[in-house]
Amino acid sequence: MYYFLLYYIMTTQQTQNQTMGTYGIYGTHTTEACPLFNEENKKLLLQVASTFEQDANAKGIKVISMYHSGLEHTFEWIVEAPGAHAIQDLMVETKVAKFNSTKIVPLRTTQNVVEYLQNQ
């Protein structure tokens, strides 16, 4: 039950009459699909990277941080967004989803969890 509550009770802020949530985007790809070794995906990634933040902003998504582990073939990006569907649309439209499997997870800070638990 504890984990269920953490996933569905997110930290929110009001921004232009939209509720914004903090999300983690966790991605992975195969060694064969890795832009380090796959020329087609390398070209795609370089193209995507040149406009990704602008594309995100156009959907009301603010990129907070983007981390990658090249040899693990994984990435973790943190964003603020009006919802998971906006993030899903961004992943598809920018073609990030073409060679990455992604999981979109709502996040809270540890301090938010502590405060929530103290008020129970």
N, C-alpha and C. Protein backbone atom coordinates (compact mmCIF):
# COMPACT_ATOMS: atom_id res chain seq x y z
N MET A 1 0.82 -1.20 0.00
CA MET A 1 0.00 0.00 0.00
C MET A 1 0.87 1.26 0.00
N TYR A 2 1.97 1.22 0.74
CA TYR A 2 2.87 2.37 0.84
C TYR A 2 3.38 2.79 -0.54
N TYR A 3 3.84 1.83 -1.33
CA TYR A 3 4.37 2.16 -2.66
C TYR A 3 3.27 2.67 -3.57
N PHE A 4 2.08 2.11 -3.44
CA PHE A 4 0.94 2.56 -4.24
C PHE A 4 0.68 4.05 -3.99
N LEU A 5 0.69 4.46 -2.75
CA LEU A 5 0.45 5.87 -2.42
C LEU A 5 1.54 6.76 -2.98
N LEU A 6 2.79 6.32 -2.90
CA LEU A 6 3.89 7.15 -3.39
C LEU A 6 3.81 7.36 -4.90
N TYR A 7 3.36 6.38 -5.63
CA TYR A 7 3.28 6.52 -7.08
C TYR A 7 2.14 7.43 -7.51
N TYR A 8 1.09 7.51 -6.72
CA TYR A 8 -0.08 8.25 -7.17
C TYR A 8 -0.33 9.57 -6.47
N ILE A 9 0.47 9.89 -5.49
CA ILE A 9 0.34 11.19 -4.83
C ILE A 9 1.63 11.95 -5.11
N MET A 10 1.61 12.80 -6.12
CA MET A 10 2.81 13.49 -6.57
C MET A 10 2.86 14.91 -6.04
N THR A 11 4.07 15.45 -6.00
CA THR A 11 4.26 16.86 -5.73
C THR A 11 3.75 17.61 -6.96
N THR A 12 2.95 18.62 -6.75
CA THR A 12 2.43 19.38 -7.88
C THR A 12 2.63 20.86 -7.64
N GLN A 13 2.60 21.60 -8.73
CA GLN A 13 2.62 23.05 -8.66
C GLN A 13 1.69 23.57 -9.75
N GLN A 14 1.09 24.69 -9.51
CA GLN A 14 0.19 25.27 -10.50
C GLN A 14 1.00 26.15 -11.44
N THR A 15 0.91 25.88 -12.72
CA THR A 15 1.60 26.65 -13.74
C THR A 15 0.63 26.92 -14.87
N GLN A 16 0.25 28.14 -15.05
CA GLN A 16 -0.66 28.55 -16.11
C GLN A 16 -1.90 27.66 -16.14
N ASN A 17 -2.53 27.47 -14.97
CA ASN A 17 -3.75 26.67 -14.83
C ASN A 17 -3.56 25.20 -15.18
N GLN A 18 -2.32 24.72 -15.24
CA GLN A 18 -2.04 23.31 -15.45
C GLN A 18 -1.36 22.77 -14.20
N THR A 19 -1.71 21.55 -13.83
CA THR A 19 -1.02 20.91 -12.73
C THR A 19 0.22 20.23 -13.28
N MET A 20 1.37 20.63 -12.76
CA MET A 20 2.63 20.05 -13.22
C MET A 20 3.10 19.01 -12.21
N GLY A 21 3.59 17.90 -12.70
CA GLY A 21 4.16 16.87 -11.85
C GLY A 21 5.60 16.62 -12.23
N THR A 22 6.34 16.05 -11.31
CA THR A 22 7.73 15.69 -11.57
C THR A 22 7.75 14.21 -11.95
N TYR A 23 8.45 13.91 -13.06
CA TYR A 23 8.50 12.55 -13.58
C TYR A 23 9.93 12.14 -13.87
N GLY A 24 10.19 10.85 -13.71
CA GLY A 24 11.43 10.26 -14.18
C GLY A 24 11.14 9.51 -15.46
N ILE A 25 12.01 9.68 -16.44
CA ILE A 25 11.92 8.91 -17.68
C ILE A 25 13.12 7.98 -17.67
N TYR A 26 12.84 6.70 -17.56
CA TYR A 26 13.90 5.70 -17.51
C TYR A 26 13.91 4.98 -18.85
N GLY A 27 15.06 4.96 -19.50
CA GLY A 27 15.15 4.35 -20.82
C GLY A 27 16.28 3.36 -20.92
N THR A 28 16.11 2.44 -21.85
CA THR A 28 17.13 1.45 -22.13
C THR A 28 17.08 1.04 -23.59
N HIS A 29 18.21 0.62 -24.09
CA HIS A 29 18.27 0.08 -25.45
C HIS A 29 19.29 -1.05 -25.49
N THR A 30 19.27 -1.79 -26.57
CA THR A 30 20.21 -2.90 -26.72
C THR A 30 21.58 -2.38 -27.13
N THR A 31 22.58 -3.20 -26.98
CA THR A 31 23.92 -2.85 -27.43
C THR A 31 23.91 -2.57 -28.93
N GLU A 32 23.16 -3.37 -29.67
CA GLU A 32 23.09 -3.21 -31.13
C GLU A 32 22.44 -1.89 -31.54
N ALA A 33 21.52 -1.39 -30.73
CA ALA A 33 20.83 -0.14 -31.04
C ALA A 33 21.56 1.08 -30.50
N CYS A 34 22.59 0.89 -29.71
CA CYS A 34 23.28 2.00 -29.06
C CYS A 34 23.88 2.96 -30.07
N PRO A 35 23.65 4.26 -29.90
CA PRO A 35 24.23 5.25 -30.81
C PRO A 35 25.76 5.24 -30.85
N LEU A 36 26.39 4.67 -29.84
CA LEU A 36 27.85 4.54 -29.88
C LEU A 36 28.30 3.57 -30.97
N PHE A 37 27.42 2.61 -31.31
CA PHE A 37 27.79 1.55 -32.24
C PHE A 37 26.88 1.46 -33.46
N ASN A 38 25.74 2.14 -33.44
CA ASN A 38 24.77 2.07 -34.53
C ASN A 38 24.73 3.43 -35.23
N GLU A 39 25.20 3.48 -36.44
CA GLU A 39 25.35 4.74 -37.17
C GLU A 39 24.00 5.44 -37.39
N GLU A 40 22.97 4.69 -37.74
CA GLU A 40 21.64 5.28 -37.97
C GLU A 40 21.11 5.95 -36.70
N ASN A 41 21.24 5.26 -35.57
CA ASN A 41 20.76 5.82 -34.30
C ASN A 41 21.64 6.96 -33.81
N LYS A 42 22.92 6.92 -34.15
CA LYS A 42 23.81 8.04 -33.82
C LYS A 42 23.33 9.31 -34.52
N LYS A 43 23.02 9.21 -35.81
CA LYS A 43 22.53 10.37 -36.56
C LYS A 43 21.21 10.86 -35.99
N LEU A 44 20.33 9.92 -35.66
CA LEU A 44 19.03 10.28 -35.09
C LEU A 44 19.20 10.98 -33.74
N LEU A 45 20.05 10.45 -32.89
CA LEU A 45 20.26 11.06 -31.57
C LEU A 45 20.83 12.47 -31.70
N LEU A 46 21.78 12.66 -32.59
CA LEU A 46 22.35 14.00 -32.78
C LEU A 46 21.28 14.98 -33.27
N GLN A 47 20.40 14.52 -34.12
CA GLN A 47 19.29 15.36 -34.62
C GLN A 47 18.32 15.67 -33.49
N VAL A 48 17.94 14.66 -32.72
CA VAL A 48 17.00 14.84 -31.61
C VAL A 48 17.58 15.79 -30.57
N ALA A 49 18.85 15.60 -30.24
CA ALA A 49 19.49 16.40 -29.19
C ALA A 49 19.52 17.88 -29.53
N SER A 50 19.58 18.20 -30.80
CA SER A 50 19.68 19.60 -31.20
C SER A 50 18.41 20.40 -30.92
N THR A 51 17.26 19.73 -30.81
CA THR A 51 16.00 20.45 -30.59
C THR A 51 15.16 19.89 -29.44
N PHE A 52 15.69 18.89 -28.69
CA PHE A 52 14.87 18.19 -27.70
C PHE A 52 14.27 19.13 -26.67
N GLU A 53 15.08 20.01 -26.10
CA GLU A 53 14.55 20.90 -25.06
C GLU A 53 13.48 21.84 -25.61
N GLN A 54 13.67 22.34 -26.81
CA GLN A 54 12.64 23.18 -27.46
C GLN A 54 11.37 22.37 -27.71
N ASP A 55 11.52 21.14 -28.20
CA ASP A 55 10.36 20.28 -28.44
C ASP A 55 9.62 19.99 -27.14
N ALA A 56 10.38 19.77 -26.07
CA ALA A 56 9.77 19.52 -24.75
C ALA A 56 9.00 20.76 -24.28
N ASN A 57 9.64 21.92 -24.37
CA ASN A 57 8.99 23.16 -23.95
C ASN A 57 7.70 23.42 -24.71
N ALA A 58 7.67 23.08 -25.98
CA ALA A 58 6.47 23.27 -26.79
C ALA A 58 5.29 22.43 -26.29
N LYS A 59 5.58 21.35 -25.57
CA LYS A 59 4.54 20.50 -24.99
C LYS A 59 4.29 20.82 -23.52
N GLY A 60 4.90 21.90 -23.03
CA GLY A 60 4.72 22.27 -21.63
C GLY A 60 5.58 21.46 -20.69
N ILE A 61 6.64 20.85 -21.21
CA ILE A 61 7.53 20.01 -20.41
C ILE A 61 8.83 20.75 -20.17
N LYS A 62 9.26 20.77 -18.90
CA LYS A 62 10.52 21.42 -18.53
C LYS A 62 11.54 20.32 -18.19
N VAL A 63 12.64 20.29 -18.90
CA VAL A 63 13.69 19.31 -18.63
C VAL A 63 14.51 19.79 -17.43
N ILE A 64 14.59 18.98 -16.38
CA ILE A 64 15.34 19.30 -15.17
C ILE A 64 16.76 18.75 -15.28
N SER A 65 16.89 17.49 -15.66
CA SER A 65 18.22 16.89 -15.80
C SER A 65 18.14 15.69 -16.73
N MET A 66 19.28 15.36 -17.33
CA MET A 66 19.38 14.22 -18.24
C MET A 66 20.71 13.51 -17.98
N TYR A 67 20.62 12.27 -17.54
CA TYR A 67 21.81 11.47 -17.26
C TYR A 67 21.80 10.20 -18.09
N HIS A 68 22.98 9.76 -18.51
CA HIS A 68 23.13 8.56 -19.31
C HIS A 68 24.25 7.70 -18.75
N SER A 69 24.11 6.40 -18.91
CA SER A 69 25.18 5.46 -18.62
C SER A 69 25.45 4.70 -19.91
N GLY A 70 26.45 5.16 -20.65
CA GLY A 70 26.72 4.64 -21.99
C GLY A 70 26.91 3.14 -22.06
N LEU A 71 27.69 2.58 -21.18
CA LEU A 71 27.97 1.15 -21.26
C LEU A 71 26.88 0.30 -20.60
N GLU A 72 26.03 0.91 -19.82
CA GLU A 72 24.85 0.23 -19.29
C GLU A 72 23.70 0.30 -20.28
N HIS A 73 23.80 1.20 -21.25
CA HIS A 73 22.77 1.41 -22.27
C HIS A 73 21.45 1.84 -21.63
N THR A 74 21.56 2.74 -20.66
CA THR A 74 20.40 3.25 -19.94
C THR A 74 20.48 4.77 -19.83
N PHE A 75 19.33 5.38 -19.58
CA PHE A 75 19.31 6.81 -19.26
C PHE A 75 18.22 7.09 -18.25
N GLU A 76 18.38 8.21 -17.55
CA GLU A 76 17.39 8.68 -16.60
C GLU A 76 17.28 10.19 -16.78
N TRP A 77 16.10 10.63 -17.14
CA TRP A 77 15.85 12.05 -17.31
C TRP A 77 14.77 12.45 -16.31
N ILE A 78 14.91 13.63 -15.75
CA ILE A 78 13.91 14.17 -14.82
C ILE A 78 13.27 15.37 -15.48
N VAL A 79 11.93 15.39 -15.50
CA VAL A 79 11.19 16.48 -16.13
C VAL A 79 10.02 16.90 -15.26
N GLU A 80 9.54 18.11 -15.49
CA GLU A 80 8.25 18.55 -14.96
C GLU A 80 7.32 18.61 -16.15
N ALA A 81 6.14 18.02 -16.00
CA ALA A 81 5.23 17.91 -17.14
C ALA A 81 3.78 17.94 -16.68
N PRO A 82 2.88 18.33 -17.59
CA PRO A 82 1.45 18.33 -17.24
C PRO A 82 0.89 16.91 -17.10
N GLY A 83 1.61 15.91 -17.55
CA GLY A 83 1.15 14.53 -17.40
C GLY A 83 2.01 13.57 -18.19
N ALA A 84 1.83 12.28 -17.90
CA ALA A 84 2.62 11.24 -18.56
C ALA A 84 2.34 11.16 -20.05
N HIS A 85 1.10 11.47 -20.46
CA HIS A 85 0.79 11.39 -21.89
C HIS A 85 1.56 12.43 -22.70
N ALA A 86 1.79 13.60 -22.13
CA ALA A 86 2.60 14.61 -22.82
C ALA A 86 4.02 14.10 -23.01
N ILE A 87 4.56 13.42 -22.01
CA ILE A 87 5.90 12.85 -22.11
C ILE A 87 5.91 11.74 -23.15
N GLN A 88 4.91 10.88 -23.13
CA GLN A 88 4.82 9.81 -24.12
C GLN A 88 4.79 10.37 -25.53
N ASP A 89 3.99 11.39 -25.74
CA ASP A 89 3.92 12.02 -27.06
C ASP A 89 5.28 12.58 -27.47
N LEU A 90 5.99 13.20 -26.53
CA LEU A 90 7.31 13.74 -26.81
C LEU A 90 8.27 12.64 -27.22
N MET A 91 8.27 11.52 -26.51
CA MET A 91 9.17 10.41 -26.83
C MET A 91 8.90 9.85 -28.22
N VAL A 92 7.64 9.77 -28.60
CA VAL A 92 7.28 9.25 -29.92
C VAL A 92 7.60 10.27 -31.01
N GLU A 93 7.17 11.50 -30.82
CA GLU A 93 7.35 12.52 -31.86
C GLU A 93 8.80 12.88 -32.12
N THR A 94 9.65 12.82 -31.09
CA THR A 94 11.07 13.11 -31.29
C THR A 94 11.84 11.87 -31.73
N LYS A 95 11.16 10.74 -31.76
CA LYS A 95 11.75 9.45 -32.16
C LYS A 95 12.73 8.87 -31.13
N VAL A 96 12.71 9.41 -29.92
CA VAL A 96 13.51 8.80 -28.86
C VAL A 96 13.05 7.36 -28.65
N ALA A 97 11.73 7.12 -28.81
CA ALA A 97 11.17 5.79 -28.62
C ALA A 97 11.50 4.83 -29.76
N LYS A 98 12.11 5.32 -30.81
CA LYS A 98 12.43 4.45 -31.95
C LYS A 98 13.43 3.36 -31.56
N PHE A 99 14.41 3.69 -30.72
CA PHE A 99 15.39 2.67 -30.34
C PHE A 99 15.55 2.54 -28.83
N ASN A 100 14.67 3.18 -28.05
CA ASN A 100 14.70 3.08 -26.59
C ASN A 100 13.37 2.59 -26.06
N SER A 101 13.44 1.69 -25.12
CA SER A 101 12.27 1.33 -24.34
C SER A 101 12.24 2.31 -23.17
N THR A 102 11.08 2.92 -22.90
CA THR A 102 11.02 3.93 -21.84
C THR A 102 9.93 3.61 -20.83
N LYS A 103 10.18 4.05 -19.61
CA LYS A 103 9.21 3.93 -18.52
C LYS A 103 9.08 5.33 -17.92
N ILE A 104 7.85 5.81 -17.77
CA ILE A 104 7.57 7.15 -17.24
C ILE A 104 6.98 6.96 -15.85
N VAL A 105 7.66 7.54 -14.84
CA VAL A 105 7.28 7.31 -13.45
C VAL A 105 7.12 8.64 -12.72
N PRO A 106 5.97 8.86 -12.06
CA PRO A 106 5.82 10.07 -11.24
C PRO A 106 6.76 10.00 -10.03
N LEU A 107 7.33 11.15 -9.67
CA LEU A 107 8.31 11.20 -8.59
C LEU A 107 7.91 12.21 -7.52
N ARG A 108 8.42 11.98 -6.32
CA ARG A 108 8.33 12.93 -5.22
C ARG A 108 9.71 13.05 -4.61
N THR A 109 9.97 14.15 -3.95
CA THR A 109 11.22 14.25 -3.21
C THR A 109 11.07 13.46 -1.92
N THR A 110 12.19 13.08 -1.34
CA THR A 110 12.16 12.38 -0.06
C THR A 110 11.51 13.25 1.00
N GLN A 111 11.78 14.54 0.96
CA GLN A 111 11.17 15.46 1.92
C GLN A 111 9.65 15.46 1.79
N ASN A 112 9.13 15.41 0.58
CA ASN A 112 7.68 15.34 0.38
C ASN A 112 7.10 14.06 1.00
N VAL A 113 7.81 12.97 0.86
CA VAL A 113 7.34 11.69 1.43
C VAL A 113 7.33 11.79 2.95
N VAL A 114 8.40 12.33 3.52
CA VAL A 114 8.47 12.47 4.98
C VAL A 114 7.31 13.34 5.48
N GLU A 115 7.07 14.47 4.85
CA GLU A 115 5.99 15.36 5.25
C GLU A 115 4.63 14.67 5.11
N TYR A 116 4.44 13.94 4.04
CA TYR A 116 3.18 13.22 3.85
C TYR A 116 2.97 12.21 4.97
N LEU A 117 4.01 11.46 5.30
CA LEU A 117 3.90 10.44 6.34
C LEU A 117 3.69 11.06 7.72
N GLN A 118 4.29 12.21 7.97
CA GLN A 118 4.11 12.87 9.26
C GLN A 118 2.68 13.36 9.43
N ASN A 119 1.98 13.63 8.36
CA ASN A 119 0.61 14.12 8.42
C ASN A 119 -0.44 13.01 8.41
N GLN A 120 -0.01 11.78 8.43
CA GLN A 120 -0.94 10.65 8.43
C GLN A 120 -1.36 10.28 9.82
